[in-house]
C-alpha atoms as a PDB file:
ATOM      1  CA  UNK A   1     112.551 142.894 172.609  1.00  0.00           C
ATOM      2  CA  UNK A   2     109.079 142.427 171.659  1.00  0.00           C
ATOM      3  CA  UNK A   3     106.805 145.323 172.124  1.00  0.00           C
ATOM      4  CA  UNK A   4     104.206 145.070 174.761  1.00  0.00           C
ATOM      5  CA  UNK A   5     100.750 146.290 175.011  1.00  0.00           C
ATOM      6  CA  UNK A   6      99.045 147.756 177.968  1.00  0.00           C
ATOM      7  CA  UNK A   7      95.220 148.172 178.277  1.00  0.00           C
ATOM      8  CA  UNK A   8      94.166 151.060 180.175  1.00  0.00           C
ATOM      9  CA  UNK A   9      90.615 151.217 181.425  1.00  0.00           C
ATOM     10  CA  UNK A  10      88.822 154.400 181.565  1.00  0.00           C
ATOM     11  CA  UNK A  11      86.079 154.725 184.160  1.00  0.00           C
ATOM     12  CA  UNK A  12      82.708 155.266 182.712  1.00  0.00           C
ATOM     13  CA  UNK A  13      79.866 157.163 184.371  1.00  0.00           C
ATOM     14  CA  UNK A  14      77.086 155.044 183.348  1.00  0.00           C
ATOM     15  CA  UNK A  15      74.257 153.814 185.585  1.00  0.00           C
ATOM     16  CA  UNK A  16      74.394 150.400 187.220  1.00  0.00           C
ATOM     17  CA  UNK A  17      74.231 148.024 184.514  1.00  0.00           C
ATOM     18  CA  UNK A  18      72.247 144.649 184.611  1.00  0.00           C
ATOM     19  CA  UNK A  19      74.333 141.787 185.904  1.00  0.00           C
ATOM     20  CA  UNK A  20      74.487 139.948 182.486  1.00  0.00           C
ATOM     21  CA  UNK A  21      76.068 143.084 180.894  1.00  0.00           C
ATOM     22  CA  UNK A  22      78.628 143.428 183.685  1.00  0.00           C
ATOM     23  CA  UNK A  23      79.465 139.879 183.142  1.00  0.00           C
ATOM     24  CA  UNK A  24      79.773 140.469 179.336  1.00  0.00           C
ATOM     25  CA  UNK A  25      82.017 143.333 179.902  1.00  0.00           C
ATOM     26  CA  UNK A  26      84.363 141.538 182.510  1.00  0.00           C
ATOM     27  CA  UNK A  27      84.568 138.586 179.762  1.00  0.00           C
ATOM     28  CA  UNK A  28      85.261 141.120 176.924  1.00  0.00           C
ATOM     29  CA  UNK A  29      88.288 142.503 179.081  1.00  0.00           C
ATOM     30  CA  UNK A  30      89.489 138.940 179.586  1.00  0.00           C
ATOM     31  CA  UNK A  31      89.273 138.341 176.005  1.00  0.00           C
ATOM     32  CA  UNK A  32      91.270 141.367 175.037  1.00  0.00           C
ATOM     33  CA  UNK A  33      93.884 140.737 177.508  1.00  0.00           C
ATOM     34  CA  UNK A  34      94.466 136.987 176.005  1.00  0.00           C
ATOM     35  CA  UNK A  35      94.465 138.494 172.585  1.00  0.00           C
ATOM     36  CA  UNK A  36      97.081 141.172 173.599  1.00  0.00           C
ATOM     37  CA  UNK A  37      99.276 138.348 175.186  1.00  0.00           C
ATOM     38  CA  UNK A  38      98.918 136.125 172.053  1.00  0.00           C
ATOM     39  CA  UNK A  39      99.872 139.093 170.011  1.00  0.00           C
ATOM     40  CA  UNK A  40     103.067 139.832 172.175  1.00  0.00           C
ATOM     41  CA  UNK A  41     103.853 136.040 171.880  1.00  0.00           C
ATOM     42  CA  UNK A  42     103.481 135.865 168.209  1.00  0.00           C
ATOM     43  CA  UNK A  43     105.877 138.985 167.911  1.00  0.00           C
ATOM     44  CA  UNK A  44     108.481 137.327 170.193  1.00  0.00           C
ATOM     45  CA  UNK A  45     108.150 134.261 167.972  1.00  0.00           C
ATOM     46  CA  UNK A  46     108.822 136.171 164.791  1.00  0.00           C
ATOM     47  CA  UNK A  47     111.769 137.888 166.421  1.00  0.00           C
ATOM     48  CA  UNK A  48     113.099 134.594 167.698  1.00  0.00           C
ATOM     49  CA  UNK A  49     112.686 133.061 164.255  1.00  0.00           C
ATOM     50  CA  UNK A  50     114.549 135.846 162.513  1.00  0.00           C
ATOM     51  CA  UNK A  51     117.367 135.485 165.032  1.00  0.00           C
ATOM     52  CA  UNK A  52     117.505 131.632 164.416  1.00  0.00           C
ATOM     53  CA  UNK A  53     117.718 132.373 160.515  1.00  0.00           C
ATOM     54  CA  UNK A  54     120.559 134.792 161.154  1.00  0.00           C
ATOM     55  CA  UNK A  55     122.507 132.167 163.278  1.00  0.00           C
ATOM     56  CA  UNK A  56     121.758 129.526 160.909  1.00  0.00           C
ATOM     57  CA  UNK A  57     123.404 131.329 158.090  1.00  0.00           C
ATOM     58  CA  UNK A  58     126.454 132.045 160.383  1.00  0.00           C
ATOM     59  CA  UNK A  59     126.608 128.262 161.032  1.00  0.00           C
ATOM     60  CA  UNK A  60     126.280 127.352 157.497  1.00  0.00           C
ATOM     61  CA  UNK A  61     129.003 129.893 156.356  1.00  0.00           C
ATOM     62  CA  UNK A  62     131.283 128.562 159.072  1.00  0.00           C
ATOM     63  CA  UNK A  63     130.730 124.854 157.905  1.00  0.00           C
ATOM     64  CA  UNK A  64     130.903 125.483 154.333  1.00  0.00           C
ATOM     65  CA  UNK A  65     133.598 128.125 153.905  1.00  0.00           C
ATOM     66  CA  UNK A  66     135.605 129.158 157.046  1.00  0.00           C
ATOM     67  CA  UNK A  67     136.461 125.946 158.664  1.00  0.00           C
ATOM     68  CA  UNK A  68     137.259 124.222 155.302  1.00  0.00           C
ATOM     69  CA  UNK A  69     139.548 127.243 154.579  1.00  0.00           C
ATOM     70  CA  UNK A  70     141.157 126.892 157.886  1.00  0.00           C
ATOM     71  CA  UNK A  71     141.734 123.201 157.457  1.00  0.00           C
ATOM     72  CA  UNK A  72     143.302 123.752 154.176  1.00  0.00           C
ATOM     73  CA  UNK A  73     145.575 126.161 155.480  1.00  0.00           C
ATOM     74  CA  UNK A  74     146.552 123.940 158.338  1.00  0.00           C
ATOM     75  CA  UNK A  75     147.466 121.129 155.871  1.00  0.00           C
ATOM     76  CA  UNK A  76     149.329 123.474 153.698  1.00  0.00           C
ATOM     77  CA  UNK A  77     151.458 124.849 156.508  1.00  0.00           C
ATOM     78  CA  UNK A  78     152.158 121.272 158.010  1.00  0.00           C
ATOM     79  CA  UNK A  79     153.233 120.256 154.526  1.00  0.00           C
ATOM     80  CA  UNK A  80     155.552 123.454 154.123  1.00  0.00           C
ATOM     81  CA  UNK A  81     157.009 122.654 157.732  1.00  0.00           C
ATOM     82  CA  UNK A  82     157.656 119.055 156.806  1.00  0.00           C
ATOM     83  CA  UNK A  83     159.313 120.040 153.669  1.00  0.00           C
ATOM     84  CA  UNK A  84     161.386 122.752 155.306  1.00  0.00           C
ATOM     85  CA  UNK A  85     162.516 120.124 158.103  1.00  0.00           C
ATOM     86  CA  UNK A  86     163.553 117.605 155.247  1.00  0.00           C
ATOM     87  CA  UNK A  87     165.584 120.375 153.515  1.00  0.00           C
ATOM     88  CA  UNK A  88     167.238 121.223 156.608  1.00  0.00           C
ATOM     89  CA  UNK A  89     168.013 117.627 157.296  1.00  0.00           C
ATOM     90  CA  UNK A  90     169.555 117.076 153.973  1.00  0.00           C
ATOM     91  CA  UNK A  91     171.599 120.424 154.174  1.00  0.00           C
ATOM     92  CA  UNK A  92     172.749 119.067 157.440  1.00  0.00           C
ATOM     93  CA  UNK A  93     173.886 115.894 156.180  1.00  0.00           C
ATOM     94  CA  UNK A  94     175.603 117.534 153.124  1.00  0.00           C
ATOM     95  CA  UNK A  95     177.556 120.018 155.484  1.00  0.00           C
ATOM     96  CA  UNK A  96     178.536 116.925 157.746  1.00  0.00           C
ATOM     97  CA  UNK A  97     179.626 115.110 154.454  1.00  0.00           C
ATOM     98  CA  UNK A  98     181.656 117.973 153.394  1.00  0.00           C
ATOM     99  CA  UNK A  99     183.474 118.426 156.723  1.00  0.00           C
ATOM    100  CA  UNK A 100     184.251 114.525 157.099  1.00  0.00           C
ATOM    101  CA  UNK A 101     185.712 114.937 153.427  1.00  0.00           C
ATOM    102  CA  UNK A 102     187.882 117.786 154.505  1.00  0.00           C
ATOM    103  CA  UNK A 103     188.781 115.933 157.704  1.00  0.00           C
ATOM    104  CA  UNK A 104     187.699 118.701 159.975  1.00  0.00           C
ATOM    105  CA  UNK A 105     184.746 117.115 161.792  1.00  0.00           C
ATOM    106  CA  UNK A 106     185.098 114.550 164.482  1.00  0.00           C
ATOM    107  CA  UNK A 107     182.445 112.129 165.535  1.00  0.00           C
ATOM    108  CA  UNK A 108     181.251 113.136 169.142  1.00  0.00           C
END
């Protein structure tokens, strides 16, 4: 959260000022308020920029490192599961052939 600045007016005990001076002081107050608002916006934009850079680093890390690693792991596991399934099928066929040779297996 960006810091905010508050302008506190202190009452002055000066005699009545000419109208032009009062107008200048009013414009000065408006100018200071605008400058303060701009400073607050600038600080908020700086904080937002820092957060965007942080999120961008995370996204790049996900895209370049984590997601490729996960995809490689998934491919590896799928390959291993396929290999295990083939081995189990071959083992089952060998057991079936062995039982047929011994005559202890009936088709059904």
